[in-house]
Amino acid sequence: MEGRCTGANLGSEDLQTEAECLQQCKDLQECQWFTYDQIDGVCYLFSDCGDLDTAGDCAGACWSGQKPCGERKGEIYTTYYLVERDYYSTYIVS
């Protein structure tokens, strides 16, 4: 989704891609949402997204997504999450 989450911010980190940002969110139990600012290369992690801010310095430059839920190792899940502005659906949790 285009825009920056405005919910409870858990922190930020400089990263190269939206995929890395999603992985950071998946690695942090409290994280449920992420926003990647592609101009500044900054990943923001959130416990909730709140509203999406699509104006200001983030206009057209930020992409947000939700961490896949219900993961259990070794099982196949179908979900939808945003990575590099494409939606991926089936993955195996390792």
N, C-alpha and C. Protein backbone atom coordinates (compact mmCIF):
# COMPACT_ATOMS: atom_id res chain seq x y z
N MET A 1 0.84 -1.16 0.00
CA MET A 1 0.00 0.00 0.00
C MET A 1 0.89 1.23 0.00
N GLU A 2 0.51 2.19 -0.78
CA GLU A 2 1.30 3.41 -0.81
C GLU A 2 1.00 4.25 0.42
N GLY A 3 2.05 4.76 1.05
CA GLY A 3 1.90 5.64 2.20
C GLY A 3 2.69 5.13 3.39
N ARG A 4 2.75 5.97 4.44
CA ARG A 4 3.49 5.65 5.66
C ARG A 4 2.51 5.39 6.79
N CYS A 5 2.72 4.28 7.51
CA CYS A 5 1.91 3.99 8.69
C CYS A 5 2.12 5.09 9.72
N THR A 6 1.09 5.36 10.51
CA THR A 6 1.18 6.39 11.54
C THR A 6 0.94 5.81 12.93
N GLY A 7 0.94 4.49 13.06
CA GLY A 7 0.68 3.83 14.34
C GLY A 7 1.89 3.85 15.26
N ALA A 8 1.89 2.93 16.23
CA ALA A 8 2.95 2.85 17.23
C ALA A 8 4.26 2.38 16.61
N ASN A 9 5.23 3.29 16.53
CA ASN A 9 6.52 3.03 15.88
C ASN A 9 7.43 2.24 16.84
N LEU A 10 7.95 1.12 16.35
CA LEU A 10 8.86 0.29 17.13
C LEU A 10 10.33 0.58 16.86
N GLY A 11 10.59 1.43 15.88
CA GLY A 11 11.98 1.75 15.53
C GLY A 11 12.17 1.82 14.04
N SER A 12 13.38 2.16 13.63
CA SER A 12 13.70 2.26 12.20
C SER A 12 15.13 1.81 11.97
N GLU A 13 15.42 1.49 10.71
CA GLU A 13 16.75 1.02 10.34
C GLU A 13 16.98 1.32 8.87
N ASP A 14 18.22 1.67 8.51
CA ASP A 14 18.57 1.88 7.11
C ASP A 14 18.70 0.53 6.43
N LEU A 15 17.92 0.33 5.36
CA LEU A 15 17.96 -0.93 4.59
C LEU A 15 17.90 -0.61 3.11
N GLN A 16 18.24 -1.60 2.28
CA GLN A 16 18.31 -1.40 0.84
C GLN A 16 17.00 -1.64 0.10
N THR A 17 16.14 -2.54 0.60
CA THR A 17 14.94 -2.91 -0.15
C THR A 17 13.73 -3.10 0.76
N GLU A 18 12.56 -3.10 0.12
CA GLU A 18 11.31 -3.39 0.84
C GLU A 18 11.32 -4.83 1.36
N ALA A 19 11.92 -5.74 0.61
CA ALA A 19 11.99 -7.14 1.04
C ALA A 19 12.78 -7.27 2.35
N GLU A 20 13.88 -6.53 2.47
CA GLU A 20 14.65 -6.53 3.71
C GLU A 20 13.83 -5.95 4.87
N CYS A 21 13.04 -4.94 4.56
CA CYS A 21 12.19 -4.31 5.57
C CYS A 21 11.14 -5.31 6.07
N LEU A 22 10.51 -6.02 5.15
CA LEU A 22 9.55 -7.06 5.54
C LEU A 22 10.22 -8.10 6.43
N GLN A 23 11.44 -8.51 6.08
CA GLN A 23 12.14 -9.52 6.87
C GLN A 23 12.43 -9.00 8.28
N GLN A 24 12.80 -7.73 8.40
CA GLN A 24 13.04 -7.15 9.72
C GLN A 24 11.77 -7.21 10.56
N CYS A 25 10.63 -6.93 9.94
CA CYS A 25 9.35 -7.00 10.65
C CYS A 25 9.05 -8.44 11.07
N LYS A 26 9.29 -9.38 10.18
CA LYS A 26 9.04 -10.79 10.50
C LYS A 26 9.93 -11.27 11.65
N ASP A 27 11.14 -10.70 11.75
CA ASP A 27 12.09 -11.12 12.78
C ASP A 27 11.77 -10.54 14.16
N LEU A 28 10.93 -9.51 14.21
CA LEU A 28 10.59 -8.86 15.48
C LEU A 28 9.16 -9.23 15.86
N GLN A 29 9.00 -9.97 16.93
CA GLN A 29 7.69 -10.48 17.32
C GLN A 29 6.64 -9.38 17.45
N GLU A 30 7.00 -8.24 18.01
CA GLU A 30 6.03 -7.16 18.24
C GLU A 30 5.60 -6.47 16.95
N CYS A 31 6.38 -6.60 15.89
CA CYS A 31 6.10 -5.91 14.64
C CYS A 31 4.94 -6.59 13.90
N GLN A 32 3.99 -5.78 13.46
CA GLN A 32 2.88 -6.27 12.65
C GLN A 32 2.81 -5.56 11.29
N TRP A 33 3.37 -4.36 11.21
CA TRP A 33 3.35 -3.55 9.99
C TRP A 33 4.72 -2.94 9.76
N PHE A 34 5.01 -2.62 8.50
CA PHE A 34 6.25 -1.94 8.17
C PHE A 34 5.99 -0.89 7.10
N THR A 35 6.84 0.12 7.07
CA THR A 35 6.84 1.12 6.01
C THR A 35 8.26 1.25 5.51
N TYR A 36 8.45 1.19 4.19
CA TYR A 36 9.77 1.39 3.60
C TYR A 36 9.77 2.69 2.82
N ASP A 37 10.65 3.61 3.20
CA ASP A 37 10.84 4.88 2.50
C ASP A 37 11.93 4.67 1.48
N GLN A 38 11.55 4.55 0.21
CA GLN A 38 12.52 4.20 -0.82
C GLN A 38 13.47 5.34 -1.17
N ILE A 39 13.13 6.58 -0.88
CA ILE A 39 14.04 7.69 -1.16
C ILE A 39 15.17 7.73 -0.13
N ASP A 40 14.81 7.62 1.15
CA ASP A 40 15.81 7.67 2.21
C ASP A 40 16.39 6.31 2.55
N GLY A 41 15.78 5.22 2.05
CA GLY A 41 16.25 3.87 2.36
C GLY A 41 16.07 3.50 3.82
N VAL A 42 14.95 3.94 4.41
CA VAL A 42 14.70 3.70 5.82
C VAL A 42 13.48 2.79 5.98
N CYS A 43 13.62 1.81 6.85
CA CYS A 43 12.54 0.88 7.18
C CYS A 43 12.00 1.25 8.56
N TYR A 44 10.69 1.46 8.65
CA TYR A 44 10.02 1.76 9.91
C TYR A 44 9.16 0.56 10.30
N LEU A 45 9.23 0.15 11.55
CA LEU A 45 8.47 -1.00 12.04
C LEU A 45 7.40 -0.51 13.01
N PHE A 46 6.21 -1.13 12.93
CA PHE A 46 5.06 -0.69 13.72
C PHE A 46 4.35 -1.87 14.35
N SER A 47 3.79 -1.65 15.53
CA SER A 47 2.93 -2.67 16.14
C SER A 47 1.52 -2.60 15.57
N ASP A 48 1.13 -1.43 15.08
CA ASP A 48 -0.13 -1.26 14.34
C ASP A 48 0.10 -0.16 13.32
N CYS A 49 -0.67 -0.17 12.26
CA CYS A 49 -0.43 0.79 11.18
C CYS A 49 -1.10 2.13 11.45
N GLY A 50 -2.25 2.12 12.11
CA GLY A 50 -2.98 3.38 12.23
C GLY A 50 -3.46 3.82 10.87
N ASP A 51 -3.43 5.10 10.61
CA ASP A 51 -3.80 5.62 9.30
C ASP A 51 -2.58 5.61 8.38
N LEU A 52 -2.84 5.63 7.07
CA LEU A 52 -1.75 5.76 6.10
C LEU A 52 -1.61 7.21 5.70
N ASP A 53 -0.41 7.75 5.87
CA ASP A 53 -0.10 9.12 5.45
C ASP A 53 0.44 9.04 4.03
N THR A 54 -0.28 9.60 3.09
CA THR A 54 0.14 9.57 1.68
C THR A 54 0.58 10.94 1.18
N ALA A 55 0.72 11.89 2.09
CA ALA A 55 1.10 13.25 1.70
C ALA A 55 2.50 13.57 2.22
N GLY A 56 2.91 14.79 2.03
CA GLY A 56 4.19 15.26 2.57
C GLY A 56 5.39 14.59 1.94
N ASP A 57 6.45 14.40 2.74
CA ASP A 57 7.71 13.86 2.22
C ASP A 57 7.59 12.40 1.81
N CYS A 58 6.49 11.77 2.15
CA CYS A 58 6.30 10.35 1.84
C CYS A 58 5.48 10.14 0.55
N ALA A 59 4.97 11.20 -0.02
CA ALA A 59 4.10 11.09 -1.19
C ALA A 59 4.81 10.36 -2.33
N GLY A 60 4.29 9.19 -2.69
CA GLY A 60 4.84 8.40 -3.78
C GLY A 60 6.16 7.71 -3.48
N ALA A 61 6.67 7.87 -2.25
CA ALA A 61 7.99 7.32 -1.94
C ALA A 61 7.95 6.23 -0.87
N CYS A 62 6.81 6.06 -0.20
CA CYS A 62 6.73 5.09 0.89
C CYS A 62 5.73 3.99 0.57
N TRP A 63 6.10 2.78 0.97
CA TRP A 63 5.24 1.62 0.77
C TRP A 63 5.12 0.87 2.08
N SER A 64 3.91 0.50 2.44
CA SER A 64 3.66 -0.17 3.71
C SER A 64 3.01 -1.53 3.47
N GLY A 65 3.21 -2.41 4.42
CA GLY A 65 2.61 -3.74 4.34
C GLY A 65 2.48 -4.36 5.71
N GLN A 66 1.71 -5.42 5.77
CA GLN A 66 1.49 -6.13 7.02
C GLN A 66 2.27 -7.44 7.01
N LYS A 67 2.81 -7.78 8.17
CA LYS A 67 3.53 -9.03 8.31
C LYS A 67 2.56 -10.19 8.16
N PRO A 68 2.94 -11.25 7.44
CA PRO A 68 2.07 -12.43 7.36
C PRO A 68 1.82 -12.99 8.75
N CYS A 69 0.63 -13.48 8.99
CA CYS A 69 0.31 -13.99 10.31
C CYS A 69 0.15 -15.51 10.28
N GLY A 70 0.15 -16.12 11.44
CA GLY A 70 -0.12 -17.55 11.57
C GLY A 70 0.98 -18.46 11.10
N GLU A 71 2.22 -18.03 11.14
CA GLU A 71 3.30 -18.88 10.66
C GLU A 71 3.61 -20.02 11.64
N ARG A 72 3.78 -21.19 11.09
CA ARG A 72 4.30 -22.34 11.83
C ARG A 72 5.30 -23.02 10.92
N LYS A 73 6.43 -23.37 11.45
CA LYS A 73 7.52 -23.92 10.63
C LYS A 73 7.11 -25.20 9.92
N GLY A 74 7.57 -25.32 8.66
CA GLY A 74 7.36 -26.51 7.87
C GLY A 74 6.00 -26.60 7.19
N GLU A 75 5.15 -25.61 7.37
CA GLU A 75 3.83 -25.65 6.76
C GLU A 75 3.74 -24.61 5.65
N ILE A 76 2.84 -24.85 4.73
CA ILE A 76 2.65 -23.92 3.61
C ILE A 76 1.45 -23.05 3.93
N TYR A 77 1.61 -21.75 3.72
CA TYR A 77 0.54 -20.80 3.98
C TYR A 77 0.30 -19.97 2.74
N THR A 78 -0.90 -19.54 2.57
CA THR A 78 -1.21 -18.60 1.52
C THR A 78 -1.64 -17.30 2.18
N THR A 79 -0.96 -16.25 1.83
CA THR A 79 -1.28 -14.93 2.36
C THR A 79 -0.89 -13.91 1.31
N TYR A 80 -1.17 -12.67 1.56
CA TYR A 80 -0.82 -11.63 0.62
C TYR A 80 -0.09 -10.52 1.38
N TYR A 81 1.07 -10.17 0.89
CA TYR A 81 1.82 -9.08 1.50
C TYR A 81 2.61 -8.38 0.42
N LEU A 82 2.92 -7.14 0.67
CA LEU A 82 3.56 -6.30 -0.32
C LEU A 82 5.07 -6.37 -0.21
N VAL A 83 5.71 -6.73 -1.30
CA VAL A 83 7.16 -6.69 -1.39
C VAL A 83 7.50 -6.12 -2.75
N GLU A 84 8.25 -5.04 -2.76
CA GLU A 84 8.66 -4.39 -3.99
C GLU A 84 7.45 -4.09 -4.88
N ARG A 85 6.34 -3.70 -4.24
CA ARG A 85 5.10 -3.33 -4.91
C ARG A 85 4.45 -4.45 -5.71
N ASP A 86 4.84 -5.70 -5.45
CA ASP A 86 4.19 -6.86 -6.04
C ASP A 86 3.62 -7.69 -4.90
N TYR A 87 2.56 -8.41 -5.18
CA TYR A 87 1.98 -9.24 -4.14
C TYR A 87 2.39 -10.69 -4.35
N TYR A 88 2.93 -11.29 -3.30
CA TYR A 88 3.33 -12.68 -3.31
C TYR A 88 2.34 -13.43 -2.45
N SER A 89 2.10 -14.70 -2.77
CA SER A 89 1.03 -15.36 -2.03
C SER A 89 1.41 -16.64 -1.33
N THR A 90 2.15 -17.54 -1.91
CA THR A 90 2.39 -18.83 -1.26
C THR A 90 3.85 -18.93 -0.87
N TYR A 91 4.09 -19.36 0.36
CA TYR A 91 5.46 -19.52 0.81
C TYR A 91 5.52 -20.63 1.85
N ILE A 92 6.71 -21.18 2.03
CA ILE A 92 6.93 -22.22 3.03
C ILE A 92 7.72 -21.59 4.16
N VAL A 93 7.27 -21.76 5.37
CA VAL A 93 7.95 -21.24 6.53
C VAL A 93 9.04 -22.21 6.94
N SER A 94 10.26 -21.73 7.02
CA SER A 94 11.37 -22.61 7.37
C SER A 94 11.93 -22.27 8.75
